[in-house]
Amino acid sequence: SIPEDNKLKLSGSYGVSGNIAERFV
């Protein structure tokens, strides 16, 4: 999501976590 013009928020749970979350970011 884009909570502010210059910010992007990424959020997840168990399905995309740990190493996968790090690679996603």
PDBML (XML) file of the C-alpha atoms, coordinates in Angstrom:
<?xml version="1.0" encoding="UTF-8" ?>
<PDBx:datablock datablockName="MODEL"
   xmlns:PDBx="http://pdbml.pdb.org/schema/pdbx-v50.xsd"
   xmlns:xsi="http://www.w3.org/2001/XMLSchema-instance"
   xsi:schemaLocation="http://pdbml.pdb.org/schema/pdbx-v50.xsd pdbx-v50.xsd">
   <PDBx:atom_siteCategory>
      <PDBx:atom_site id="1">
         <PDBx:B_iso_or_equiv>0.00</PDBx:B_iso_or_equiv>
         <PDBx:Cartn_x>0.000</PDBx:Cartn_x>
         <PDBx:Cartn_y>0.000</PDBx:Cartn_y>
         <PDBx:Cartn_z>0.000</PDBx:Cartn_z>
         <PDBx:auth_asym_id>A</PDBx:auth_asym_id>
         <PDBx:auth_atom_id>CA</PDBx:auth_atom_id>
         <PDBx:auth_comp_id>SER</PDBx:auth_comp_id>
         <PDBx:auth_seq_id>1</PDBx:auth_seq_id>
         <PDBx:group_PDB>ATOM</PDBx:group_PDB>
         <PDBx:label_alt_id xsi:nil="true" />
         <PDBx:label_asym_id>A</PDBx:label_asym_id>
         <PDBx:label_atom_id>CA</PDBx:label_atom_id>
         <PDBx:label_comp_id>SER</PDBx:label_comp_id>
         <PDBx:label_entity_id>1</PDBx:label_entity_id>
         <PDBx:label_seq_id>1</PDBx:label_seq_id>
         <PDBx:occupancy>1.00</PDBx:occupancy>
         <PDBx:pdbx_PDB_model_num>1</PDBx:pdbx_PDB_model_num>
         <PDBx:type_symbol>C</PDBx:type_symbol>
      </PDBx:atom_site>
      <PDBx:atom_site id="2">
         <PDBx:B_iso_or_equiv>0.00</PDBx:B_iso_or_equiv>
         <PDBx:Cartn_x>0.936</PDBx:Cartn_x>
         <PDBx:Cartn_y>3.669</PDBx:Cartn_y>
         <PDBx:Cartn_z>-0.335</PDBx:Cartn_z>
         <PDBx:auth_asym_id>A</PDBx:auth_asym_id>
         <PDBx:auth_atom_id>CA</PDBx:auth_atom_id>
         <PDBx:auth_comp_id>ILE</PDBx:auth_comp_id>
         <PDBx:auth_seq_id>2</PDBx:auth_seq_id>
         <PDBx:group_PDB>ATOM</PDBx:group_PDB>
         <PDBx:label_alt_id xsi:nil="true" />
         <PDBx:label_asym_id>A</PDBx:label_asym_id>
         <PDBx:label_atom_id>CA</PDBx:label_atom_id>
         <PDBx:label_comp_id>ILE</PDBx:label_comp_id>
         <PDBx:label_entity_id>1</PDBx:label_entity_id>
         <PDBx:label_seq_id>2</PDBx:label_seq_id>
         <PDBx:occupancy>1.00</PDBx:occupancy>
         <PDBx:pdbx_PDB_model_num>1</PDBx:pdbx_PDB_model_num>
         <PDBx:type_symbol>C</PDBx:type_symbol>
      </PDBx:atom_site>
      <PDBx:atom_site id="3">
         <PDBx:B_iso_or_equiv>0.00</PDBx:B_iso_or_equiv>
         <PDBx:Cartn_x>0.055</PDBx:Cartn_x>
         <PDBx:Cartn_y>5.261</PDBx:Cartn_y>
         <PDBx:Cartn_z>3.032</PDBx:Cartn_z>
         <PDBx:auth_asym_id>A</PDBx:auth_asym_id>
         <PDBx:auth_atom_id>CA</PDBx:auth_atom_id>
         <PDBx:auth_comp_id>PRO</PDBx:auth_comp_id>
         <PDBx:auth_seq_id>3</PDBx:auth_seq_id>
         <PDBx:group_PDB>ATOM</PDBx:group_PDB>
         <PDBx:label_alt_id xsi:nil="true" />
         <PDBx:label_asym_id>A</PDBx:label_asym_id>
         <PDBx:label_atom_id>CA</PDBx:label_atom_id>
         <PDBx:label_comp_id>PRO</PDBx:label_comp_id>
         <PDBx:label_entity_id>1</PDBx:label_entity_id>
         <PDBx:label_seq_id>3</PDBx:label_seq_id>
         <PDBx:occupancy>1.00</PDBx:occupancy>
         <PDBx:pdbx_PDB_model_num>1</PDBx:pdbx_PDB_model_num>
         <PDBx:type_symbol>C</PDBx:type_symbol>
      </PDBx:atom_site>
      <PDBx:atom_site id="4">
         <PDBx:B_iso_or_equiv>0.00</PDBx:B_iso_or_equiv>
         <PDBx:Cartn_x>1.758</PDBx:Cartn_x>
         <PDBx:Cartn_y>8.567</PDBx:Cartn_y>
         <PDBx:Cartn_z>2.096</PDBx:Cartn_z>
         <PDBx:auth_asym_id>A</PDBx:auth_asym_id>
         <PDBx:auth_atom_id>CA</PDBx:auth_atom_id>
         <PDBx:auth_comp_id>GLU</PDBx:auth_comp_id>
         <PDBx:auth_seq_id>4</PDBx:auth_seq_id>
         <PDBx:group_PDB>ATOM</PDBx:group_PDB>
         <PDBx:label_alt_id xsi:nil="true" />
         <PDBx:label_asym_id>A</PDBx:label_asym_id>
         <PDBx:label_atom_id>CA</PDBx:label_atom_id>
         <PDBx:label_comp_id>GLU</PDBx:label_comp_id>
         <PDBx:label_entity_id>1</PDBx:label_entity_id>
         <PDBx:label_seq_id>4</PDBx:label_seq_id>
         <PDBx:occupancy>1.00</PDBx:occupancy>
         <PDBx:pdbx_PDB_model_num>1</PDBx:pdbx_PDB_model_num>
         <PDBx:type_symbol>C</PDBx:type_symbol>
      </PDBx:atom_site>
      <PDBx:atom_site id="5">
         <PDBx:B_iso_or_equiv>0.00</PDBx:B_iso_or_equiv>
         <PDBx:Cartn_x>2.975</PDBx:Cartn_x>
         <PDBx:Cartn_y>10.004</PDBx:Cartn_y>
         <PDBx:Cartn_z>-1.216</PDBx:Cartn_z>
         <PDBx:auth_asym_id>A</PDBx:auth_asym_id>
         <PDBx:auth_atom_id>CA</PDBx:auth_atom_id>
         <PDBx:auth_comp_id>ASP</PDBx:auth_comp_id>
         <PDBx:auth_seq_id>5</PDBx:auth_seq_id>
         <PDBx:group_PDB>ATOM</PDBx:group_PDB>
         <PDBx:label_alt_id xsi:nil="true" />
         <PDBx:label_asym_id>A</PDBx:label_asym_id>
         <PDBx:label_atom_id>CA</PDBx:label_atom_id>
         <PDBx:label_comp_id>ASP</PDBx:label_comp_id>
         <PDBx:label_entity_id>1</PDBx:label_entity_id>
         <PDBx:label_seq_id>5</PDBx:label_seq_id>
         <PDBx:occupancy>1.00</PDBx:occupancy>
         <PDBx:pdbx_PDB_model_num>1</PDBx:pdbx_PDB_model_num>
         <PDBx:type_symbol>C</PDBx:type_symbol>
      </PDBx:atom_site>
      <PDBx:atom_site id="6">
         <PDBx:B_iso_or_equiv>0.00</PDBx:B_iso_or_equiv>
         <PDBx:Cartn_x>6.596</PDBx:Cartn_x>
         <PDBx:Cartn_y>9.038</PDBx:Cartn_y>
         <PDBx:Cartn_z>-0.582</PDBx:Cartn_z>
         <PDBx:auth_asym_id>A</PDBx:auth_asym_id>
         <PDBx:auth_atom_id>CA</PDBx:auth_atom_id>
         <PDBx:auth_comp_id>ASN</PDBx:auth_comp_id>
         <PDBx:auth_seq_id>6</PDBx:auth_seq_id>
         <PDBx:group_PDB>ATOM</PDBx:group_PDB>
         <PDBx:label_alt_id xsi:nil="true" />
         <PDBx:label_asym_id>A</PDBx:label_asym_id>
         <PDBx:label_atom_id>CA</PDBx:label_atom_id>
         <PDBx:label_comp_id>ASN</PDBx:label_comp_id>
         <PDBx:label_entity_id>1</PDBx:label_entity_id>
         <PDBx:label_seq_id>6</PDBx:label_seq_id>
         <PDBx:occupancy>1.00</PDBx:occupancy>
         <PDBx:pdbx_PDB_model_num>1</PDBx:pdbx_PDB_model_num>
         <PDBx:type_symbol>C</PDBx:type_symbol>
      </PDBx:atom_site>
      <PDBx:atom_site id="7">
         <PDBx:B_iso_or_equiv>0.00</PDBx:B_iso_or_equiv>
         <PDBx:Cartn_x>6.087</PDBx:Cartn_x>
         <PDBx:Cartn_y>5.834</PDBx:Cartn_y>
         <PDBx:Cartn_z>1.438</PDBx:Cartn_z>
         <PDBx:auth_asym_id>A</PDBx:auth_asym_id>
         <PDBx:auth_atom_id>CA</PDBx:auth_atom_id>
         <PDBx:auth_comp_id>LYS</PDBx:auth_comp_id>
         <PDBx:auth_seq_id>7</PDBx:auth_seq_id>
         <PDBx:group_PDB>ATOM</PDBx:group_PDB>
         <PDBx:label_alt_id xsi:nil="true" />
         <PDBx:label_asym_id>A</PDBx:label_asym_id>
         <PDBx:label_atom_id>CA</PDBx:label_atom_id>
         <PDBx:label_comp_id>LYS</PDBx:label_comp_id>
         <PDBx:label_entity_id>1</PDBx:label_entity_id>
         <PDBx:label_seq_id>7</PDBx:label_seq_id>
         <PDBx:occupancy>1.00</PDBx:occupancy>
         <PDBx:pdbx_PDB_model_num>1</PDBx:pdbx_PDB_model_num>
         <PDBx:type_symbol>C</PDBx:type_symbol>
      </PDBx:atom_site>
      <PDBx:atom_site id="8">
         <PDBx:B_iso_or_equiv>0.00</PDBx:B_iso_or_equiv>
         <PDBx:Cartn_x>5.314</PDBx:Cartn_x>
         <PDBx:Cartn_y>2.276</PDBx:Cartn_y>
         <PDBx:Cartn_z>0.444</PDBx:Cartn_z>
         <PDBx:auth_asym_id>A</PDBx:auth_asym_id>
         <PDBx:auth_atom_id>CA</PDBx:auth_atom_id>
         <PDBx:auth_comp_id>LEU</PDBx:auth_comp_id>
         <PDBx:auth_seq_id>8</PDBx:auth_seq_id>
         <PDBx:group_PDB>ATOM</PDBx:group_PDB>
         <PDBx:label_alt_id xsi:nil="true" />
         <PDBx:label_asym_id>A</PDBx:label_asym_id>
         <PDBx:label_atom_id>CA</PDBx:label_atom_id>
         <PDBx:label_comp_id>LEU</PDBx:label_comp_id>
         <PDBx:label_entity_id>1</PDBx:label_entity_id>
         <PDBx:label_seq_id>8</PDBx:label_seq_id>
         <PDBx:occupancy>1.00</PDBx:occupancy>
         <PDBx:pdbx_PDB_model_num>1</PDBx:pdbx_PDB_model_num>
         <PDBx:type_symbol>C</PDBx:type_symbol>
      </PDBx:atom_site>
      <PDBx:atom_site id="9">
         <PDBx:B_iso_or_equiv>0.00</PDBx:B_iso_or_equiv>
         <PDBx:Cartn_x>4.141</PDBx:Cartn_x>
         <PDBx:Cartn_y>-0.195</PDBx:Cartn_y>
         <PDBx:Cartn_z>3.062</PDBx:Cartn_z>
         <PDBx:auth_asym_id>A</PDBx:auth_asym_id>
         <PDBx:auth_atom_id>CA</PDBx:auth_atom_id>
         <PDBx:auth_comp_id>LYS</PDBx:auth_comp_id>
         <PDBx:auth_seq_id>9</PDBx:auth_seq_id>
         <PDBx:group_PDB>ATOM</PDBx:group_PDB>
         <PDBx:label_alt_id xsi:nil="true" />
         <PDBx:label_asym_id>A</PDBx:label_asym_id>
         <PDBx:label_atom_id>CA</PDBx:label_atom_id>
         <PDBx:label_comp_id>LYS</PDBx:label_comp_id>
         <PDBx:label_entity_id>1</PDBx:label_entity_id>
         <PDBx:label_seq_id>9</PDBx:label_seq_id>
         <PDBx:occupancy>1.00</PDBx:occupancy>
         <PDBx:pdbx_PDB_model_num>1</PDBx:pdbx_PDB_model_num>
         <PDBx:type_symbol>C</PDBx:type_symbol>
      </PDBx:atom_site>
      <PDBx:atom_site id="10">
         <PDBx:B_iso_or_equiv>0.00</PDBx:B_iso_or_equiv>
         <PDBx:Cartn_x>4.771</PDBx:Cartn_x>
         <PDBx:Cartn_y>-3.917</PDBx:Cartn_y>
         <PDBx:Cartn_z>2.660</PDBx:Cartn_z>
         <PDBx:auth_asym_id>A</PDBx:auth_asym_id>
         <PDBx:auth_atom_id>CA</PDBx:auth_atom_id>
         <PDBx:auth_comp_id>LEU</PDBx:auth_comp_id>
         <PDBx:auth_seq_id>10</PDBx:auth_seq_id>
         <PDBx:group_PDB>ATOM</PDBx:group_PDB>
         <PDBx:label_alt_id xsi:nil="true" />
         <PDBx:label_asym_id>A</PDBx:label_asym_id>
         <PDBx:label_atom_id>CA</PDBx:label_atom_id>
         <PDBx:label_comp_id>LEU</PDBx:label_comp_id>
         <PDBx:label_entity_id>1</PDBx:label_entity_id>
         <PDBx:label_seq_id>10</PDBx:label_seq_id>
         <PDBx:occupancy>1.00</PDBx:occupancy>
         <PDBx:pdbx_PDB_model_num>1</PDBx:pdbx_PDB_model_num>
         <PDBx:type_symbol>C</PDBx:type_symbol>
      </PDBx:atom_site>
      <PDBx:atom_site id="11">
         <PDBx:B_iso_or_equiv>0.00</PDBx:B_iso_or_equiv>
         <PDBx:Cartn_x>3.170</PDBx:Cartn_x>
         <PDBx:Cartn_y>-6.333</PDBx:Cartn_y>
         <PDBx:Cartn_z>5.097</PDBx:Cartn_z>
         <PDBx:auth_asym_id>A</PDBx:auth_asym_id>
         <PDBx:auth_atom_id>CA</PDBx:auth_atom_id>
         <PDBx:auth_comp_id>SER</PDBx:auth_comp_id>
         <PDBx:auth_seq_id>11</PDBx:auth_seq_id>
         <PDBx:group_PDB>ATOM</PDBx:group_PDB>
         <PDBx:label_alt_id xsi:nil="true" />
         <PDBx:label_asym_id>A</PDBx:label_asym_id>
         <PDBx:label_atom_id>CA</PDBx:label_atom_id>
         <PDBx:label_comp_id>SER</PDBx:label_comp_id>
         <PDBx:label_entity_id>1</PDBx:label_entity_id>
         <PDBx:label_seq_id>11</PDBx:label_seq_id>
         <PDBx:occupancy>1.00</PDBx:occupancy>
         <PDBx:pdbx_PDB_model_num>1</PDBx:pdbx_PDB_model_num>
         <PDBx:type_symbol>C</PDBx:type_symbol>
      </PDBx:atom_site>
      <PDBx:atom_site id="12">
         <PDBx:B_iso_or_equiv>0.00</PDBx:B_iso_or_equiv>
         <PDBx:Cartn_x>2.750</PDBx:Cartn_x>
         <PDBx:Cartn_y>-10.043</PDBx:Cartn_y>
         <PDBx:Cartn_z>5.349</PDBx:Cartn_z>
         <PDBx:auth_asym_id>A</PDBx:auth_asym_id>
         <PDBx:auth_atom_id>CA</PDBx:auth_atom_id>
         <PDBx:auth_comp_id>GLY</PDBx:auth_comp_id>
         <PDBx:auth_seq_id>12</PDBx:auth_seq_id>
         <PDBx:group_PDB>ATOM</PDBx:group_PDB>
         <PDBx:label_alt_id xsi:nil="true" />
         <PDBx:label_asym_id>A</PDBx:label_asym_id>
         <PDBx:label_atom_id>CA</PDBx:label_atom_id>
         <PDBx:label_comp_id>GLY</PDBx:label_comp_id>
         <PDBx:label_entity_id>1</PDBx:label_entity_id>
         <PDBx:label_seq_id>12</PDBx:label_seq_id>
         <PDBx:occupancy>1.00</PDBx:occupancy>
         <PDBx:pdbx_PDB_model_num>1</PDBx:pdbx_PDB_model_num>
         <PDBx:type_symbol>C</PDBx:type_symbol>
      </PDBx:atom_site>
      <PDBx:atom_site id="13">
         <PDBx:B_iso_or_equiv>0.00</PDBx:B_iso_or_equiv>
         <PDBx:Cartn_x>2.166</PDBx:Cartn_x>
         <PDBx:Cartn_y>-13.022</PDBx:Cartn_y>
         <PDBx:Cartn_z>7.563</PDBx:Cartn_z>
         <PDBx:auth_asym_id>A</PDBx:auth_asym_id>
         <PDBx:auth_atom_id>CA</PDBx:auth_atom_id>
         <PDBx:auth_comp_id>SER</PDBx:auth_comp_id>
         <PDBx:auth_seq_id>13</PDBx:auth_seq_id>
         <PDBx:group_PDB>ATOM</PDBx:group_PDB>
         <PDBx:label_alt_id xsi:nil="true" />
         <PDBx:label_asym_id>A</PDBx:label_asym_id>
         <PDBx:label_atom_id>CA</PDBx:label_atom_id>
         <PDBx:label_comp_id>SER</PDBx:label_comp_id>
         <PDBx:label_entity_id>1</PDBx:label_entity_id>
         <PDBx:label_seq_id>13</PDBx:label_seq_id>
         <PDBx:occupancy>1.00</PDBx:occupancy>
         <PDBx:pdbx_PDB_model_num>1</PDBx:pdbx_PDB_model_num>
         <PDBx:type_symbol>C</PDBx:type_symbol>
      </PDBx:atom_site>
      <PDBx:atom_site id="14">
         <PDBx:B_iso_or_equiv>0.00</PDBx:B_iso_or_equiv>
         <PDBx:Cartn_x>3.287</PDBx:Cartn_x>
         <PDBx:Cartn_y>-16.617</PDBx:Cartn_y>
         <PDBx:Cartn_z>7.905</PDBx:Cartn_z>
         <PDBx:auth_asym_id>A</PDBx:auth_asym_id>
         <PDBx:auth_atom_id>CA</PDBx:auth_atom_id>
         <PDBx:auth_comp_id>TYR</PDBx:auth_comp_id>
         <PDBx:auth_seq_id>14</PDBx:auth_seq_id>
         <PDBx:group_PDB>ATOM</PDBx:group_PDB>
         <PDBx:label_alt_id xsi:nil="true" />
         <PDBx:label_asym_id>A</PDBx:label_asym_id>
         <PDBx:label_atom_id>CA</PDBx:label_atom_id>
         <PDBx:label_comp_id>TYR</PDBx:label_comp_id>
         <PDBx:label_entity_id>1</PDBx:label_entity_id>
         <PDBx:label_seq_id>14</PDBx:label_seq_id>
         <PDBx:occupancy>1.00</PDBx:occupancy>
         <PDBx:pdbx_PDB_model_num>1</PDBx:pdbx_PDB_model_num>
         <PDBx:type_symbol>C</PDBx:type_symbol>
      </PDBx:atom_site>
      <PDBx:atom_site id="15">
         <PDBx:B_iso_or_equiv>0.00</PDBx:B_iso_or_equiv>
         <PDBx:Cartn_x>2.948</PDBx:Cartn_x>
         <PDBx:Cartn_y>-17.420</PDBx:Cartn_y>
         <PDBx:Cartn_z>4.180</PDBx:Cartn_z>
         <PDBx:auth_asym_id>A</PDBx:auth_asym_id>
         <PDBx:auth_atom_id>CA</PDBx:auth_atom_id>
         <PDBx:auth_comp_id>GLY</PDBx:auth_comp_id>
         <PDBx:auth_seq_id>15</PDBx:auth_seq_id>
         <PDBx:group_PDB>ATOM</PDBx:group_PDB>
         <PDBx:label_alt_id xsi:nil="true" />
         <PDBx:label_asym_id>A</PDBx:label_asym_id>
         <PDBx:label_atom_id>CA</PDBx:label_atom_id>
         <PDBx:label_comp_id>GLY</PDBx:label_comp_id>
         <PDBx:label_entity_id>1</PDBx:label_entity_id>
         <PDBx:label_seq_id>15</PDBx:label_seq_id>
         <PDBx:occupancy>1.00</PDBx:occupancy>
         <PDBx:pdbx_PDB_model_num>1</PDBx:pdbx_PDB_model_num>
         <PDBx:type_symbol>C</PDBx:type_symbol>
      </PDBx:atom_site>
      <PDBx:atom_site id="16">
         <PDBx:B_iso_or_equiv>0.00</PDBx:B_iso_or_equiv>
         <PDBx:Cartn_x>5.574</PDBx:Cartn_x>
         <PDBx:Cartn_y>-14.851</PDBx:Cartn_y>
         <PDBx:Cartn_z>3.186</PDBx:Cartn_z>
         <PDBx:auth_asym_id>A</PDBx:auth_asym_id>
         <PDBx:auth_atom_id>CA</PDBx:auth_atom_id>
         <PDBx:auth_comp_id>VAL</PDBx:auth_comp_id>
         <PDBx:auth_seq_id>16</PDBx:auth_seq_id>
         <PDBx:group_PDB>ATOM</PDBx:group_PDB>
         <PDBx:label_alt_id xsi:nil="true" />
         <PDBx:label_asym_id>A</PDBx:label_asym_id>
         <PDBx:label_atom_id>CA</PDBx:label_atom_id>
         <PDBx:label_comp_id>VAL</PDBx:label_comp_id>
         <PDBx:label_entity_id>1</PDBx:label_entity_id>
         <PDBx:label_seq_id>16</PDBx:label_seq_id>
         <PDBx:occupancy>1.00</PDBx:occupancy>
         <PDBx:pdbx_PDB_model_num>1</PDBx:pdbx_PDB_model_num>
         <PDBx:type_symbol>C</PDBx:type_symbol>
      </PDBx:atom_site>
      <PDBx:atom_site id="17">
         <PDBx:B_iso_or_equiv>0.00</PDBx:B_iso_or_equiv>
         <PDBx:Cartn_x>7.927</PDBx:Cartn_x>
         <PDBx:Cartn_y>-14.510</PDBx:Cartn_y>
         <PDBx:Cartn_z>6.120</PDBx:Cartn_z>
         <PDBx:auth_asym_id>A</PDBx:auth_asym_id>
         <PDBx:auth_atom_id>CA</PDBx:auth_atom_id>
         <PDBx:auth_comp_id>SER</PDBx:auth_comp_id>
         <PDBx:auth_seq_id>17</PDBx:auth_seq_id>
         <PDBx:group_PDB>ATOM</PDBx:group_PDB>
         <PDBx:label_alt_id xsi:nil="true" />
         <PDBx:label_asym_id>A</PDBx:label_asym_id>
         <PDBx:label_atom_id>CA</PDBx:label_atom_id>
         <PDBx:label_comp_id>SER</PDBx:label_comp_id>
         <PDBx:label_entity_id>1</PDBx:label_entity_id>
         <PDBx:label_seq_id>17</PDBx:label_seq_id>
         <PDBx:occupancy>1.00</PDBx:occupancy>
         <PDBx:pdbx_PDB_model_num>1</PDBx:pdbx_PDB_model_num>
         <PDBx:type_symbol>C</PDBx:type_symbol>
      </PDBx:atom_site>
      <PDBx:atom_site id="18">
         <PDBx:B_iso_or_equiv>0.00</PDBx:B_iso_or_equiv>
         <PDBx:Cartn_x>11.567</PDBx:Cartn_x>
         <PDBx:Cartn_y>-14.948</PDBx:Cartn_y>
         <PDBx:Cartn_z>7.075</PDBx:Cartn_z>
         <PDBx:auth_asym_id>A</PDBx:auth_asym_id>
         <PDBx:auth_atom_id>CA</PDBx:auth_atom_id>
         <PDBx:auth_comp_id>GLY</PDBx:auth_comp_id>
         <PDBx:auth_seq_id>18</PDBx:auth_seq_id>
         <PDBx:group_PDB>ATOM</PDBx:group_PDB>
         <PDBx:label_alt_id xsi:nil="true" />
         <PDBx:label_asym_id>A</PDBx:label_asym_id>
         <PDBx:label_atom_id>CA</PDBx:label_atom_id>
         <PDBx:label_comp_id>GLY</PDBx:label_comp_id>
         <PDBx:label_entity_id>1</PDBx:label_entity_id>
         <PDBx:label_seq_id>18</PDBx:label_seq_id>
         <PDBx:occupancy>1.00</PDBx:occupancy>
         <PDBx:pdbx_PDB_model_num>1</PDBx:pdbx_PDB_model_num>
         <PDBx:type_symbol>C</PDBx:type_symbol>
      </PDBx:atom_site>
      <PDBx:atom_site id="19">
         <PDBx:B_iso_or_equiv>0.00</PDBx:B_iso_or_equiv>
         <PDBx:Cartn_x>13.904</PDBx:Cartn_x>
         <PDBx:Cartn_y>-15.259</PDBx:Cartn_y>
         <PDBx:Cartn_z>4.114</PDBx:Cartn_z>
         <PDBx:auth_asym_id>A</PDBx:auth_asym_id>
         <PDBx:auth_atom_id>CA</PDBx:auth_atom_id>
         <PDBx:auth_comp_id>ASN</PDBx:auth_comp_id>
         <PDBx:auth_seq_id>19</PDBx:auth_seq_id>
         <PDBx:group_PDB>ATOM</PDBx:group_PDB>
         <PDBx:label_alt_id xsi:nil="true" />
         <PDBx:label_asym_id>A</PDBx:label_asym_id>
         <PDBx:label_atom_id>CA</PDBx:label_atom_id>
         <PDBx:label_comp_id>ASN</PDBx:label_comp_id>
         <PDBx:label_entity_id>1</PDBx:label_entity_id>
         <PDBx:label_seq_id>19</PDBx:label_seq_id>
         <PDBx:occupancy>1.00</PDBx:occupancy>
         <PDBx:pdbx_PDB_model_num>1</PDBx:pdbx_PDB_model_num>
         <PDBx:type_symbol>C</PDBx:type_symbol>
      </PDBx:atom_site>
      <PDBx:atom_site id="20">
         <PDBx:B_iso_or_equiv>0.00</PDBx:B_iso_or_equiv>
         <PDBx:Cartn_x>11.099</PDBx:Cartn_x>
         <PDBx:Cartn_y>-14.891</PDBx:Cartn_y>
         <PDBx:Cartn_z>1.576</PDBx:Cartn_z>
         <PDBx:auth_asym_id>A</PDBx:auth_asym_id>
         <PDBx:auth_atom_id>CA</PDBx:auth_atom_id>
         <PDBx:auth_comp_id>ILE</PDBx:auth_comp_id>
         <PDBx:auth_seq_id>20</PDBx:auth_seq_id>
         <PDBx:group_PDB>ATOM</PDBx:group_PDB>
         <PDBx:label_alt_id xsi:nil="true" />
         <PDBx:label_asym_id>A</PDBx:label_asym_id>
         <PDBx:label_atom_id>CA</PDBx:label_atom_id>
         <PDBx:label_comp_id>ILE</PDBx:label_comp_id>
         <PDBx:label_entity_id>1</PDBx:label_entity_id>
         <PDBx:label_seq_id>20</PDBx:label_seq_id>
         <PDBx:occupancy>1.00</PDBx:occupancy>
         <PDBx:pdbx_PDB_model_num>1</PDBx:pdbx_PDB_model_num>
         <PDBx:type_symbol>C</PDBx:type_symbol>
      </PDBx:atom_site>
      <PDBx:atom_site id="21">
         <PDBx:B_iso_or_equiv>0.00</PDBx:B_iso_or_equiv>
         <PDBx:Cartn_x>9.991</PDBx:Cartn_x>
         <PDBx:Cartn_y>-11.627</PDBx:Cartn_y>
         <PDBx:Cartn_z>3.215</PDBx:Cartn_z>
         <PDBx:auth_asym_id>A</PDBx:auth_asym_id>
         <PDBx:auth_atom_id>CA</PDBx:auth_atom_id>
         <PDBx:auth_comp_id>ALA</PDBx:auth_comp_id>
         <PDBx:auth_seq_id>21</PDBx:auth_seq_id>
         <PDBx:group_PDB>ATOM</PDBx:group_PDB>
         <PDBx:label_alt_id xsi:nil="true" />
         <PDBx:label_asym_id>A</PDBx:label_asym_id>
         <PDBx:label_atom_id>CA</PDBx:label_atom_id>
         <PDBx:label_comp_id>ALA</PDBx:label_comp_id>
         <PDBx:label_entity_id>1</PDBx:label_entity_id>
         <PDBx:label_seq_id>21</PDBx:label_seq_id>
         <PDBx:occupancy>1.00</PDBx:occupancy>
         <PDBx:pdbx_PDB_model_num>1</PDBx:pdbx_PDB_model_num>
         <PDBx:type_symbol>C</PDBx:type_symbol>
      </PDBx:atom_site>
      <PDBx:atom_site id="22">
         <PDBx:B_iso_or_equiv>0.00</PDBx:B_iso_or_equiv>
         <PDBx:Cartn_x>13.566</PDBx:Cartn_x>
         <PDBx:Cartn_y>-10.312</PDBx:Cartn_y>
         <PDBx:Cartn_z>3.160</PDBx:Cartn_z>
         <PDBx:auth_asym_id>A</PDBx:auth_asym_id>
         <PDBx:auth_atom_id>CA</PDBx:auth_atom_id>
         <PDBx:auth_comp_id>GLU</PDBx:auth_comp_id>
         <PDBx:auth_seq_id>22</PDBx:auth_seq_id>
         <PDBx:group_PDB>ATOM</PDBx:group_PDB>
         <PDBx:label_alt_id xsi:nil="true" />
         <PDBx:label_asym_id>A</PDBx:label_asym_id>
         <PDBx:label_atom_id>CA</PDBx:label_atom_id>
         <PDBx:label_comp_id>GLU</PDBx:label_comp_id>
         <PDBx:label_entity_id>1</PDBx:label_entity_id>
         <PDBx:label_seq_id>22</PDBx:label_seq_id>
         <PDBx:occupancy>1.00</PDBx:occupancy>
         <PDBx:pdbx_PDB_model_num>1</PDBx:pdbx_PDB_model_num>
         <PDBx:type_symbol>C</PDBx:type_symbol>
      </PDBx:atom_site>
      <PDBx:atom_site id="23">
         <PDBx:B_iso_or_equiv>0.00</PDBx:B_iso_or_equiv>
         <PDBx:Cartn_x>13.901</PDBx:Cartn_x>
         <PDBx:Cartn_y>-11.147</PDBx:Cartn_y>
         <PDBx:Cartn_z>-0.551</PDBx:Cartn_z>
         <PDBx:auth_asym_id>A</PDBx:auth_asym_id>
         <PDBx:auth_atom_id>CA</PDBx:auth_atom_id>
         <PDBx:auth_comp_id>ARG</PDBx:auth_comp_id>
         <PDBx:auth_seq_id>23</PDBx:auth_seq_id>
         <PDBx:group_PDB>ATOM</PDBx:group_PDB>
         <PDBx:label_alt_id xsi:nil="true" />
         <PDBx:label_asym_id>A</PDBx:label_asym_id>
         <PDBx:label_atom_id>CA</PDBx:label_atom_id>
         <PDBx:label_comp_id>ARG</PDBx:label_comp_id>
         <PDBx:label_entity_id>1</PDBx:label_entity_id>
         <PDBx:label_seq_id>23</PDBx:label_seq_id>
         <PDBx:occupancy>1.00</PDBx:occupancy>
         <PDBx:pdbx_PDB_model_num>1</PDBx:pdbx_PDB_model_num>
         <PDBx:type_symbol>C</PDBx:type_symbol>
      </PDBx:atom_site>
      <PDBx:atom_site id="24">
         <PDBx:B_iso_or_equiv>0.00</PDBx:B_iso_or_equiv>
         <PDBx:Cartn_x>10.475</PDBx:Cartn_x>
         <PDBx:Cartn_y>-9.594</PDBx:Cartn_y>
         <PDBx:Cartn_z>-1.248</PDBx:Cartn_z>
         <PDBx:auth_asym_id>A</PDBx:auth_asym_id>
         <PDBx:auth_atom_id>CA</PDBx:auth_atom_id>
         <PDBx:auth_comp_id>PHE</PDBx:auth_comp_id>
         <PDBx:auth_seq_id>24</PDBx:auth_seq_id>
         <PDBx:group_PDB>ATOM</PDBx:group_PDB>
         <PDBx:label_alt_id xsi:nil="true" />
         <PDBx:label_asym_id>A</PDBx:label_asym_id>
         <PDBx:label_atom_id>CA</PDBx:label_atom_id>
         <PDBx:label_comp_id>PHE</PDBx:label_comp_id>
         <PDBx:label_entity_id>1</PDBx:label_entity_id>
         <PDBx:label_seq_id>24</PDBx:label_seq_id>
         <PDBx:occupancy>1.00</PDBx:occupancy>
         <PDBx:pdbx_PDB_model_num>1</PDBx:pdbx_PDB_model_num>
         <PDBx:type_symbol>C</PDBx:type_symbol>
      </PDBx:atom_site>
      <PDBx:atom_site id="25">
         <PDBx:B_iso_or_equiv>0.00</PDBx:B_iso_or_equiv>
         <PDBx:Cartn_x>11.517</PDBx:Cartn_x>
         <PDBx:Cartn_y>-6.314</PDBx:Cartn_y>
         <PDBx:Cartn_z>0.405</PDBx:Cartn_z>
         <PDBx:auth_asym_id>A</PDBx:auth_asym_id>
         <PDBx:auth_atom_id>CA</PDBx:auth_atom_id>
         <PDBx:auth_comp_id>VAL</PDBx:auth_comp_id>
         <PDBx:auth_seq_id>25</PDBx:auth_seq_id>
         <PDBx:group_PDB>ATOM</PDBx:group_PDB>
         <PDBx:label_alt_id xsi:nil="true" />
         <PDBx:label_asym_id>A</PDBx:label_asym_id>
         <PDBx:label_atom_id>CA</PDBx:label_atom_id>
         <PDBx:label_comp_id>VAL</PDBx:label_comp_id>
         <PDBx:label_entity_id>1</PDBx:label_entity_id>
         <PDBx:label_seq_id>25</PDBx:label_seq_id>
         <PDBx:occupancy>1.00</PDBx:occupancy>
         <PDBx:pdbx_PDB_model_num>1</PDBx:pdbx_PDB_model_num>
         <PDBx:type_symbol>C</PDBx:type_symbol>
      </PDBx:atom_site>
   </PDBx:atom_siteCategory>
</PDBx:datablock>
